[in-house]
């Protein structure tokens, strides 16, 4: 939004609106493009080796995330015994994934909090211009 306000001679409110709409439309086009590529791949019927490898990697990631998210509440409620934890091969890996995922998601918080702050400032400025004191 700051880029639009500095580049073009428009107000912050319009920059906020146009910036948000531009991001939304861009995301819609990206999702549509990815869906079209996937649909084209399914229409072929024959999957290439690279498609199979990519699909396998995606399913591996989904499976690991699913099992780690199932393990997390069981571990929080102490429903898994210490003997099971020590004898398990995958427990140590699956236990750390929810924490790593949380850390990864928290890395995006500054980006969204900055956008939220700019949006609040813009709305307050617009309200101050509308209501003379």
C-alpha atoms as a PDB file:
ATOM      1  CA  UNK A   1       0.000   0.000   0.000  1.00  0.00           C
ATOM      2  CA  UNK A   2       2.826   2.385   0.808  1.00  0.00           C
ATOM      3  CA  UNK A   3       4.264   1.648  -2.636  1.00  0.00           C
ATOM      4  CA  UNK A   4       0.995   2.672  -4.307  1.00  0.00           C
ATOM      5  CA  UNK A   5       0.628   5.819  -2.208  1.00  0.00           C
ATOM      6  CA  UNK A   6       4.195   6.941  -2.976  1.00  0.00           C
ATOM      7  CA  UNK A   7       4.179   5.972  -6.662  1.00  0.00           C
ATOM      8  CA  UNK A   8       0.776   7.254  -7.742  1.00  0.00           C
ATOM      9  CA  UNK A   9      -0.918  10.505  -6.708  1.00  0.00           C
ATOM     10  CA  UNK A  10      -3.739   8.788  -4.810  1.00  0.00           C
ATOM     11  CA  UNK A  11      -4.803   8.910  -1.197  1.00  0.00           C
ATOM     12  CA  UNK A  12      -3.942   6.266   1.349  1.00  0.00           C
ATOM     13  CA  UNK A  13      -7.535   5.028   1.474  1.00  0.00           C
ATOM     14  CA  UNK A  14      -7.632   4.364  -2.268  1.00  0.00           C
ATOM     15  CA  UNK A  15      -4.165   2.795  -2.134  1.00  0.00           C
ATOM     16  CA  UNK A  16      -5.395   0.468   0.624  1.00  0.00           C
ATOM     17  CA  UNK A  17      -8.473  -0.512  -1.370  1.00  0.00           C
ATOM     18  CA  UNK A  18      -6.646  -0.987  -4.682  1.00  0.00           C
ATOM     19  CA  UNK A  19      -3.726  -2.804  -3.042  1.00  0.00           C
ATOM     20  CA  UNK A  20      -6.015  -5.249  -1.261  1.00  0.00           C
ATOM     21  CA  UNK A  21      -8.027  -5.874  -4.428  1.00  0.00           C
ATOM     22  CA  UNK A  22      -4.838  -6.342  -6.475  1.00  0.00           C
ATOM     23  CA  UNK A  23      -3.495  -8.925  -4.015  1.00  0.00           C
ATOM     24  CA  UNK A  24      -6.831 -10.749  -3.951  1.00  0.00           C
ATOM     25  CA  UNK A  25      -7.094 -10.847  -7.751  1.00  0.00           C
ATOM     26  CA  UNK A  26      -3.457 -11.984  -8.033  1.00  0.00           C
ATOM     27  CA  UNK A  27      -4.075 -14.832  -5.601  1.00  0.00           C
ATOM     28  CA  UNK A  28      -7.214 -15.853  -7.500  1.00  0.00           C
ATOM     29  CA  UNK A  29      -5.250 -16.004 -10.766  1.00  0.00           C
ATOM     30  CA  UNK A  30      -2.435 -18.013  -9.168  1.00  0.00           C
ATOM     31  CA  UNK A  31      -4.857 -20.524  -7.638  1.00  0.00           C
ATOM     32  CA  UNK A  32      -6.725 -20.770 -10.963  1.00  0.00           C
ATOM     33  CA  UNK A  33      -3.458 -21.338 -12.855  1.00  0.00           C
ATOM     34  CA  UNK A  34      -2.333 -24.069 -10.450  1.00  0.00           C
ATOM     35  CA  UNK A  35      -5.755 -25.747 -10.597  1.00  0.00           C
ATOM     36  CA  UNK A  36      -5.689 -25.631 -14.401  1.00  0.00           C
ATOM     37  CA  UNK A  37      -2.224 -27.248 -14.448  1.00  0.00           C
ATOM     38  CA  UNK A  38      -3.407 -29.993 -12.105  1.00  0.00           C
ATOM     39  CA  UNK A  39      -6.549 -30.538 -14.187  1.00  0.00           C
ATOM     40  CA  UNK A  40      -4.474 -30.772 -17.379  1.00  0.00           C
ATOM     41  CA  UNK A  41      -2.268 -33.344 -15.691  1.00  0.00           C
ATOM     42  CA  UNK A  42      -5.322 -35.395 -14.718  1.00  0.00           C
ATOM     43  CA  UNK A  43      -6.790 -35.093 -18.228  1.00  0.00           C
ATOM     44  CA  UNK A  44      -3.672 -36.699 -19.705  1.00  0.00           C
ATOM     45  CA  UNK A  45      -4.321 -39.852 -17.745  1.00  0.00           C
ATOM     46  CA  UNK A  46      -0.676 -40.847 -17.776  1.00  0.00           C
ATOM     47  CA  UNK A  47       1.418 -39.242 -15.107  1.00  0.00           C
ATOM     48  CA  UNK A  48       5.073 -38.669 -15.823  1.00  0.00           C
ATOM     49  CA  UNK A  49       7.780 -39.728 -13.409  1.00  0.00           C
ATOM     50  CA  UNK A  50       8.256 -36.202 -12.126  1.00  0.00           C
ATOM     51  CA  UNK A  51       4.512 -35.860 -11.469  1.00  0.00           C
ATOM     52  CA  UNK A  52       4.561 -39.074  -9.468  1.00  0.00           C
ATOM     53  CA  UNK A  53       7.574 -37.942  -7.457  1.00  0.00           C
ATOM     54  CA  UNK A  54       6.033 -34.528  -6.725  1.00  0.00           C
ATOM     55  CA  UNK A  55       2.741 -36.192  -5.746  1.00  0.00           C
ATOM     56  CA  UNK A  56       4.582 -38.601  -3.467  1.00  0.00           C
ATOM     57  CA  UNK A  57       6.471 -35.778  -1.770  1.00  0.00           C
ATOM     58  CA  UNK A  58       3.258 -33.800  -1.247  1.00  0.00           C
ATOM     59  CA  UNK A  59       1.486 -36.847   0.213  1.00  0.00           C
ATOM     60  CA  UNK A  60       4.489 -37.529   2.455  1.00  0.00           C
ATOM     61  CA  UNK A  61       4.342 -33.972   3.801  1.00  0.00           C
ATOM     62  CA  UNK A  62       0.563 -34.182   4.318  1.00  0.00           C
ATOM     63  CA  UNK A  63       0.912 -37.547   6.082  1.00  0.00           C
ATOM     64  CA  UNK A  64       3.675 -36.347   8.395  1.00  0.00           C
ATOM     65  CA  UNK A  65       1.708 -33.186   9.245  1.00  0.00           C
ATOM     66  CA  UNK A  66      -1.437 -35.241   9.898  1.00  0.00           C
ATOM     67  CA  UNK A  67       0.295 -37.702  12.213  1.00  0.00           C
ATOM     68  CA  UNK A  68       2.196 -34.978  14.043  1.00  0.00           C
ATOM     69  CA  UNK A  69      -1.020 -33.013  14.601  1.00  0.00           C
ATOM     70  CA  UNK A  70      -2.684 -36.184  15.908  1.00  0.00           C
ATOM     71  CA  UNK A  71       0.293 -36.821  18.191  1.00  0.00           C
ATOM     72  CA  UNK A  72       0.356 -33.311  19.659  1.00  0.00           C
ATOM     73  CA  UNK A  73      -2.930 -33.453  21.672  1.00  0.00           C
ATOM     74  CA  UNK A  74      -2.188 -37.005  22.777  1.00  0.00           C
ATOM     75  CA  UNK A  75       1.161 -35.827  24.070  1.00  0.00           C
ATOM     76  CA  UNK A  76      -0.371 -32.746  25.748  1.00  0.00           C
ATOM     77  CA  UNK A  77      -2.875 -34.902  27.651  1.00  0.00           C
ATOM     78  CA  UNK A  78      -0.067 -37.332  28.555  1.00  0.00           C
ATOM     79  CA  UNK A  79      -1.830 -40.270  26.919  1.00  0.00           C
ATOM     80  CA  UNK A  80       1.447 -41.631  25.529  1.00  0.00           C
ATOM     81  CA  UNK A  81       3.601 -43.550  27.972  1.00  0.00           C
ATOM     82  CA  UNK A  82       7.321 -42.950  28.412  1.00  0.00           C
ATOM     83  CA  UNK A  83       8.063 -46.499  27.282  1.00  0.00           C
ATOM     84  CA  UNK A  84       6.251 -45.860  24.002  1.00  0.00           C
ATOM     85  CA  UNK A  85       8.063 -42.563  23.519  1.00  0.00           C
ATOM     86  CA  UNK A  86      11.505 -44.079  23.992  1.00  0.00           C
ATOM     87  CA  UNK A  87      10.843 -47.160  21.862  1.00  0.00           C
ATOM     88  CA  UNK A  88       9.262 -45.234  18.973  1.00  0.00           C
ATOM     89  CA  UNK A  89      11.429 -44.511  15.958  1.00  0.00           C
ATOM     90  CA  UNK A  90       9.358 -41.603  14.634  1.00  0.00           C
ATOM     91  CA  UNK A  91       8.210 -39.966  17.894  1.00  0.00           C
ATOM     92  CA  UNK A  92      11.114 -37.521  18.187  1.00  0.00           C
ATOM     93  CA  UNK A  93      10.628 -36.286  14.626  1.00  0.00           C
ATOM     94  CA  UNK A  94       6.832 -36.059  14.794  1.00  0.00           C
ATOM     95  CA  UNK A  95       6.940 -34.303  18.181  1.00  0.00           C
ATOM     96  CA  UNK A  96       8.984 -31.363  16.862  1.00  0.00           C
ATOM     97  CA  UNK A  97       6.914 -30.689  13.722  1.00  0.00           C
ATOM     98  CA  UNK A  98       4.033 -28.740  15.381  1.00  0.00           C
ATOM     99  CA  UNK A  99       6.564 -26.463  17.109  1.00  0.00           C
ATOM    100  CA  UNK A 100       8.487 -25.901  13.874  1.00  0.00           C
ATOM    101  CA  UNK A 101       5.237 -25.210  12.023  1.00  0.00           C
ATOM    102  CA  UNK A 102       4.232 -22.687  14.664  1.00  0.00           C
ATOM    103  CA  UNK A 103       7.622 -20.957  14.404  1.00  0.00           C
ATOM    104  CA  UNK A 104       7.277 -20.844  10.606  1.00  0.00           C
ATOM    105  CA  UNK A 105       3.798 -19.300  10.801  1.00  0.00           C
ATOM    106  CA  UNK A 106       4.926 -16.765  13.415  1.00  0.00           C
ATOM    107  CA  UNK A 107       7.566 -15.617  10.942  1.00  0.00           C
ATOM    108  CA  UNK A 108       4.753 -14.164   8.817  1.00  0.00           C
ATOM    109  CA  UNK A 109       3.155 -12.252  11.693  1.00  0.00           C
ATOM    110  CA  UNK A 110       5.319  -9.121  11.298  1.00  0.00           C
ATOM    111  CA  UNK A 111       4.256  -8.841   7.654  1.00  0.00           C
ATOM    112  CA  UNK A 112       0.555  -9.035   8.471  1.00  0.00           C
ATOM    113  CA  UNK A 113       0.819  -6.902  11.608  1.00  0.00           C
ATOM    114  CA  UNK A 114       2.527  -4.151   9.586  1.00  0.00           C
ATOM    115  CA  UNK A 115      -0.293  -4.304   7.016  1.00  0.00           C
ATOM    116  CA  UNK A 116      -2.858  -4.169   9.832  1.00  0.00           C
ATOM    117  CA  UNK A 117      -1.152  -1.135  11.430  1.00  0.00           C
ATOM    118  CA  UNK A 118      -1.040   0.721   8.109  1.00  0.00           C
ATOM    119  CA  UNK A 119      -4.696  -0.117   7.514  1.00  0.00           C
ATOM    120  CA  UNK A 120      -5.707   1.177  10.964  1.00  0.00           C
ATOM    121  CA  UNK A 121      -3.712   4.393  10.462  1.00  0.00           C
ATOM    122  CA  UNK A 122      -5.363   4.929   7.091  1.00  0.00           C
ATOM    123  CA  UNK A 123      -8.845   4.408   8.504  1.00  0.00           C
ATOM    124  CA  UNK A 124      -8.150   6.780  11.413  1.00  0.00           C
ATOM    125  CA  UNK A 125      -6.828   9.447   9.032  1.00  0.00           C
ATOM    126  CA  UNK A 126      -9.911   9.083   6.839  1.00  0.00           C
ATOM    127  CA  UNK A 127     -12.210   9.378   9.862  1.00  0.00           C
ATOM    128  CA  UNK A 128     -10.378  12.483  11.095  1.00  0.00           C
ATOM    129  CA  UNK A 129     -10.788  14.123   7.685  1.00  0.00           C
ATOM    130  CA  UNK A 130     -14.520  13.342   7.670  1.00  0.00           C
ATOM    131  CA  UNK A 131     -15.262  14.658  11.163  1.00  0.00           C
ATOM    132  CA  UNK A 132     -13.950  18.204  11.654  1.00  0.00           C
ATOM    133  CA  UNK A 133     -13.148  19.074  15.253  1.00  0.00           C
END
